[in-house]
Amino acid sequence: MEYYKKLKTELHAMAGQMMDETVRVVSARPLSPQEAIGKPDRTDFPILKGKEVMVEAVFRDSRGHAFTDMPGNFQGSLQAVMDLDLQTHFERAVFIATINAVMRDAGKISNTVHCRDSDPKSCAEQFPAFITEHFGSPKIAFVGYQPAMLEQLSQSFMLRVIDLDEDNIGADRFGLTIEGPKNTEAVLSWGDIIIATGSTCVNGTIGDFLDKKPVVFYGVTVAGPAALYGYHRFCPCAA
């Protein structure tokens, strides 16, 4: 929980006097798959299979997104967000989405709204070049299941993939066997770099991937934390 305490301190510093402005509200709700991602070229994204939902926080005219496996609804002031215990994945999603929206409003970040339609394919096609530019030809420990990215990266790099979804564990995807969480340490040790879903800052596992070796987080969820703490983040097509 120390990680979230630090983020609360950052949010409080950014919000300043706005914490007490009752006319300023933060609303968060889960988006339907079509609202979140539109109609992409493929149907195997977790959000389209009902495995995840996208929470949208709105602050003033700015939006921030965060993935979670726990849907729900919330509306309240920034202070109400600060007062959340952050014990559940949904509360953390509201909190992280709010950080993204507040930082977007302040002009500190962009790309906080999930890409749609053909953009996920375009995003994935750009990823191999990004990895080559920054890291050369590394072995990749990939955390999470993002099929478009895995399909592209598997053509150029050696990968091992960890996922929490029981439906994926043990399955063959793009010539890769998806491994379960019990293999996490072995996979992380094997890889030269880690590519991890930004949703780790919602499910509470992000600390497992920091300070081990180079890490790239992908997606809209981690937009705010990445900017605050200097993480590598790949999310070129988000709005």
Protein backbone atom coordinates (compact mmCIF):
# COMPACT_ATOMS: atom_id res chain seq x y z
CA MET A 1 0.00 0.00 0.00
CA GLU A 2 3.02 2.31 0.28
CA TYR A 3 2.89 2.72 -3.49
CA TYR A 4 -0.66 4.10 -3.32
CA LYS A 5 0.16 6.38 -0.39
CA LYS A 6 2.80 8.04 -2.55
CA LEU A 7 0.33 8.41 -5.41
CA LYS A 8 -2.22 9.97 -3.06
CA THR A 9 0.41 12.50 -2.01
CA GLU A 10 1.04 13.32 -5.67
CA LEU A 11 -2.70 13.68 -6.39
CA HIS A 12 -3.17 15.95 -3.39
CA ALA A 13 -0.26 18.14 -4.51
CA MET A 14 -1.68 18.45 -8.02
CA ALA A 15 -5.25 19.10 -6.95
CA GLY A 16 -4.44 21.77 -4.37
CA GLN A 17 -7.49 23.84 -3.45
CA MET A 18 -9.70 21.85 -5.81
CA MET A 19 -10.01 19.10 -3.21
CA ASP A 20 -12.75 21.10 -1.45
CA GLU A 21 -14.57 22.43 -4.50
CA THR A 22 -17.87 20.61 -4.39
CA VAL A 23 -18.85 21.84 -7.83
CA ARG A 24 -15.96 19.85 -9.28
CA VAL A 25 -16.88 16.21 -9.37
CA VAL A 26 -15.16 13.08 -10.46
CA SER A 27 -17.45 10.51 -11.97
CA ALA A 28 -16.37 7.01 -12.85
CA ARG A 29 -18.27 4.25 -14.58
CA PRO A 30 -17.42 1.07 -16.43
CA LEU A 31 -17.56 1.43 -20.19
CA SER A 32 -19.07 -1.15 -22.49
CA PRO A 33 -16.54 -2.93 -24.72
CA GLN A 34 -17.79 -0.94 -27.70
CA GLU A 35 -17.35 2.36 -25.85
CA ALA A 36 -13.87 1.41 -24.71
CA ILE A 37 -12.36 -0.14 -27.82
CA GLY A 38 -14.89 0.29 -30.62
CA LYS A 39 -14.81 -2.46 -33.26
CA PRO A 40 -11.20 -3.64 -33.61
CA ASP A 41 -9.99 -5.98 -36.32
CA ARG A 42 -9.88 -8.95 -33.93
CA THR A 43 -12.16 -10.30 -31.21
CA ASP A 44 -9.71 -11.90 -28.75
CA PHE A 45 -8.96 -8.83 -26.61
CA PRO A 46 -9.80 -9.55 -22.94
CA ILE A 47 -12.21 -6.62 -22.75
CA LEU A 48 -14.26 -8.06 -25.64
CA LYS A 49 -14.42 -11.43 -23.86
CA GLY A 50 -15.81 -9.89 -20.68
CA LYS A 51 -12.63 -10.51 -18.68
CA GLU A 52 -12.02 -6.82 -17.96
CA VAL A 53 -13.89 -3.54 -17.95
CA MET A 54 -12.70 -0.02 -18.56
CA VAL A 55 -13.42 2.59 -15.88
CA GLU A 56 -13.64 6.18 -17.05
CA ALA A 57 -13.02 9.07 -14.67
CA VAL A 58 -14.08 12.55 -15.75
CA PHE A 59 -12.58 15.66 -14.18
CA ARG A 60 -13.76 18.95 -15.62
CA ASP A 61 -13.53 18.22 -19.36
CA SER A 62 -10.75 15.64 -19.16
CA ARG A 63 -11.09 11.88 -19.18
CA GLY A 64 -8.85 9.19 -17.76
CA HIS A 65 -9.20 5.44 -18.27
CA ALA A 66 -8.14 2.42 -16.24
CA PHE A 67 -8.68 -1.30 -16.77
CA THR A 68 -10.01 -3.50 -13.98
CA ASP A 69 -11.60 -6.90 -13.52
CA MET A 70 -14.07 -5.44 -11.00
CA PRO A 71 -16.87 -3.22 -12.39
CA GLY A 72 -18.73 -0.64 -10.34
CA ASN A 73 -19.89 2.97 -10.23
CA PHE A 74 -18.60 5.98 -8.31
CA GLN A 75 -19.28 9.69 -8.13
CA GLY A 76 -17.84 12.19 -5.69
CA SER A 77 -15.34 14.95 -5.13
CA LEU A 78 -11.58 14.63 -5.42
CA GLN A 79 -11.51 14.43 -1.65
CA ALA A 80 -13.85 11.46 -1.81
CA VAL A 81 -11.40 9.75 -4.15
CA MET A 82 -8.58 10.53 -1.72
CA ASP A 83 -10.62 8.96 1.07
CA LEU A 84 -11.00 5.62 -0.71
CA ASP A 85 -9.27 2.79 1.16
CA LEU A 86 -7.98 1.32 -2.13
CA GLN A 87 -8.56 -2.19 -0.84
CA THR A 88 -10.35 -3.43 -3.98
CA HIS A 89 -9.43 -3.46 -7.63
CA PHE A 90 -12.38 -1.22 -8.42
CA GLU A 91 -11.39 1.46 -5.88
CA ARG A 92 -7.85 1.40 -7.27
CA ALA A 93 -9.20 1.71 -10.81
CA VAL A 94 -11.26 4.77 -9.80
CA PHE A 95 -8.19 6.25 -8.12
CA ILE A 96 -5.81 5.60 -11.03
CA ALA A 97 -8.33 6.78 -13.64
CA THR A 98 -8.81 9.93 -11.58
CA ILE A 99 -5.08 10.60 -11.47
CA ASN A 100 -5.02 10.21 -15.24
CA ALA A 101 -7.92 12.63 -15.68
CA VAL A 102 -6.50 15.24 -13.27
CA MET A 103 -3.06 15.10 -14.86
CA ARG A 104 -4.66 15.35 -18.31
CA ASP A 105 -6.59 18.44 -17.15
CA ALA A 106 -3.36 19.96 -15.86
CA GLY A 107 -1.63 19.40 -19.21
CA LYS A 108 0.93 17.04 -17.69
CA ILE A 109 0.03 13.96 -19.76
CA SER A 110 -1.83 12.92 -22.89
CA ASN A 111 -3.01 9.58 -24.29
CA THR A 112 -5.36 8.78 -21.39
CA VAL A 113 -8.33 7.48 -23.41
CA HIS A 114 -8.14 3.98 -24.89
CA CYS A 115 -7.61 3.64 -28.63
CA ARG A 116 -10.43 2.27 -30.77
CA ASP A 117 -11.30 0.34 -33.92
CA SER A 118 -8.18 -0.20 -36.08
CA ASP A 119 -5.84 1.61 -33.67
CA PRO A 120 -5.00 -1.44 -31.48
CA LYS A 121 -3.62 -3.14 -34.59
CA SER A 122 -1.59 -0.06 -35.52
CA CYS A 123 -0.28 0.20 -31.95
CA ALA A 124 0.89 -3.41 -31.98
CA GLU A 125 2.58 -3.02 -35.36
CA GLN A 126 4.68 -0.15 -33.98
CA PHE A 127 5.80 -2.03 -30.87
CA PRO A 128 8.66 -4.14 -32.34
CA ALA A 129 10.41 -1.04 -33.70
CA PHE A 130 10.05 0.68 -30.32
CA ILE A 131 11.66 -2.28 -28.54
CA THR A 132 14.50 -2.51 -31.08
CA GLU A 133 15.18 1.23 -30.84
CA HIS A 134 15.37 1.24 -27.04
CA PHE A 135 16.63 -2.24 -26.17
CA GLY A 136 18.10 -3.94 -29.24
CA SER A 137 17.15 -7.62 -29.49
CA PRO A 138 16.23 -8.67 -25.95
CA LYS A 139 14.50 -11.73 -24.57
CA ILE A 140 11.11 -10.46 -23.40
CA ALA A 141 9.22 -11.47 -20.27
CA PHE A 142 5.68 -10.39 -21.16
CA VAL A 143 3.16 -9.90 -18.35
CA GLY A 144 -0.52 -9.91 -19.31
CA TYR A 145 -2.35 -11.08 -22.42
CA GLN A 146 -2.47 -8.55 -25.23
CA PRO A 147 -2.94 -10.66 -28.35
CA ALA A 148 -2.16 -8.06 -31.01
CA MET A 149 1.13 -7.16 -29.32
CA LEU A 150 2.08 -10.78 -28.75
CA GLU A 151 1.44 -11.63 -32.38
CA GLN A 152 3.71 -8.84 -33.57
CA LEU A 153 6.48 -9.23 -30.99
CA SER A 154 6.67 -13.00 -31.38
CA GLN A 155 7.80 -12.52 -34.99
CA SER A 156 10.93 -10.62 -33.94
CA PHE A 157 11.82 -11.56 -30.36
CA MET A 158 12.09 -14.49 -27.99
CA LEU A 159 9.16 -14.26 -25.55
CA ARG A 160 7.75 -15.94 -22.49
CA VAL A 161 4.29 -14.85 -21.38
CA ILE A 162 2.64 -14.79 -17.94
CA ASP A 163 -1.12 -14.34 -17.53
CA LEU A 164 -3.61 -14.66 -14.68
CA ASP A 165 -6.55 -15.82 -16.80
CA GLU A 166 -7.13 -19.54 -16.32
CA ASP A 167 -8.61 -19.74 -19.82
CA ASN A 168 -5.25 -18.70 -21.29
CA ILE A 169 -2.81 -20.59 -19.06
CA GLY A 170 -1.36 -23.57 -20.89
CA ALA A 171 -2.81 -22.50 -24.24
CA ASP A 172 -0.74 -22.06 -27.37
CA ARG A 173 -0.93 -18.55 -28.74
CA PHE A 174 1.22 -17.45 -31.68
CA GLY A 175 3.63 -20.29 -31.03
CA LEU A 176 3.92 -19.36 -27.35
CA THR A 177 2.69 -21.35 -24.38
CA ILE A 178 0.96 -18.99 -21.95
CA GLU A 179 2.33 -19.59 -18.45
CA GLY A 180 0.61 -19.08 -15.11
CA PRO A 181 1.57 -16.86 -12.15
CA LYS A 182 3.47 -19.68 -10.42
CA ASN A 183 6.15 -19.27 -13.12
CA THR A 184 6.46 -15.50 -12.68
CA GLU A 185 9.88 -15.44 -11.01
CA ALA A 186 11.34 -17.88 -13.53
CA VAL A 187 10.01 -15.88 -16.47
CA LEU A 188 11.21 -12.56 -15.08
CA SER A 189 14.65 -14.01 -14.43
CA TRP A 190 14.80 -15.38 -17.97
CA GLY A 191 13.92 -12.12 -19.73
CA ASP A 192 16.33 -9.31 -20.50
CA ILE A 193 13.45 -6.84 -20.25
CA ILE A 194 9.91 -6.95 -18.87
CA ILE A 195 6.88 -5.77 -20.80
CA ALA A 196 3.92 -5.49 -18.43
CA THR A 197 0.34 -4.36 -18.68
CA GLY A 198 -0.30 -1.01 -17.04
CA SER A 199 -3.19 -2.70 -15.23
CA THR A 200 -0.61 -3.89 -12.70
CA CYS A 201 -0.98 -0.50 -11.00
CA VAL A 202 -4.65 -1.40 -10.40
CA ASN A 203 -4.32 -5.04 -9.37
CA GLY A 204 -1.53 -4.20 -6.93
CA THR A 205 1.28 -6.20 -8.56
CA ILE A 206 3.23 -3.33 -10.11
CA GLY A 207 5.83 -3.50 -7.34
CA ASP A 208 6.75 -7.01 -8.51
CA PHE A 209 8.19 -5.59 -11.72
CA LEU A 210 9.99 -2.44 -10.61
CA ASP A 211 13.73 -2.26 -9.88
CA LYS A 212 14.43 -5.71 -11.34
CA LYS A 213 15.45 -4.92 -14.92
CA PRO A 214 14.21 -2.57 -17.66
CA VAL A 215 10.41 -2.45 -17.75
CA VAL A 216 8.02 -1.15 -20.40
CA PHE A 217 4.40 -0.70 -19.32
CA TYR A 218 1.79 -0.63 -22.04
CA GLY A 219 -1.68 0.91 -22.13
CA VAL A 220 -3.71 3.86 -20.86
CA THR A 221 -4.06 2.72 -17.24
CA VAL A 222 -0.52 3.57 -16.24
CA ALA A 223 -0.41 6.98 -17.95
CA GLY A 224 -0.26 9.08 -14.78
CA PRO A 225 2.03 6.85 -12.69
CA ALA A 226 4.40 6.47 -15.66
CA ALA A 227 4.73 10.24 -16.02
CA LEU A 228 5.15 10.77 -12.28
CA TYR A 229 7.81 8.10 -11.81
CA GLY A 230 9.53 8.04 -15.19
CA TYR A 231 8.47 4.56 -16.33
CA HIS A 232 8.86 3.56 -19.95
CA ARG A 233 5.33 3.53 -21.37
CA PHE A 234 4.11 2.44 -24.78
CA CYS A 235 0.69 3.68 -25.81
CA PRO A 236 1.05 5.59 -29.10
CA CYS A 237 -2.53 5.44 -30.36
CA ALA A 238 -4.54 6.44 -27.29
CA ALA A 239 -6.47 9.70 -27.45
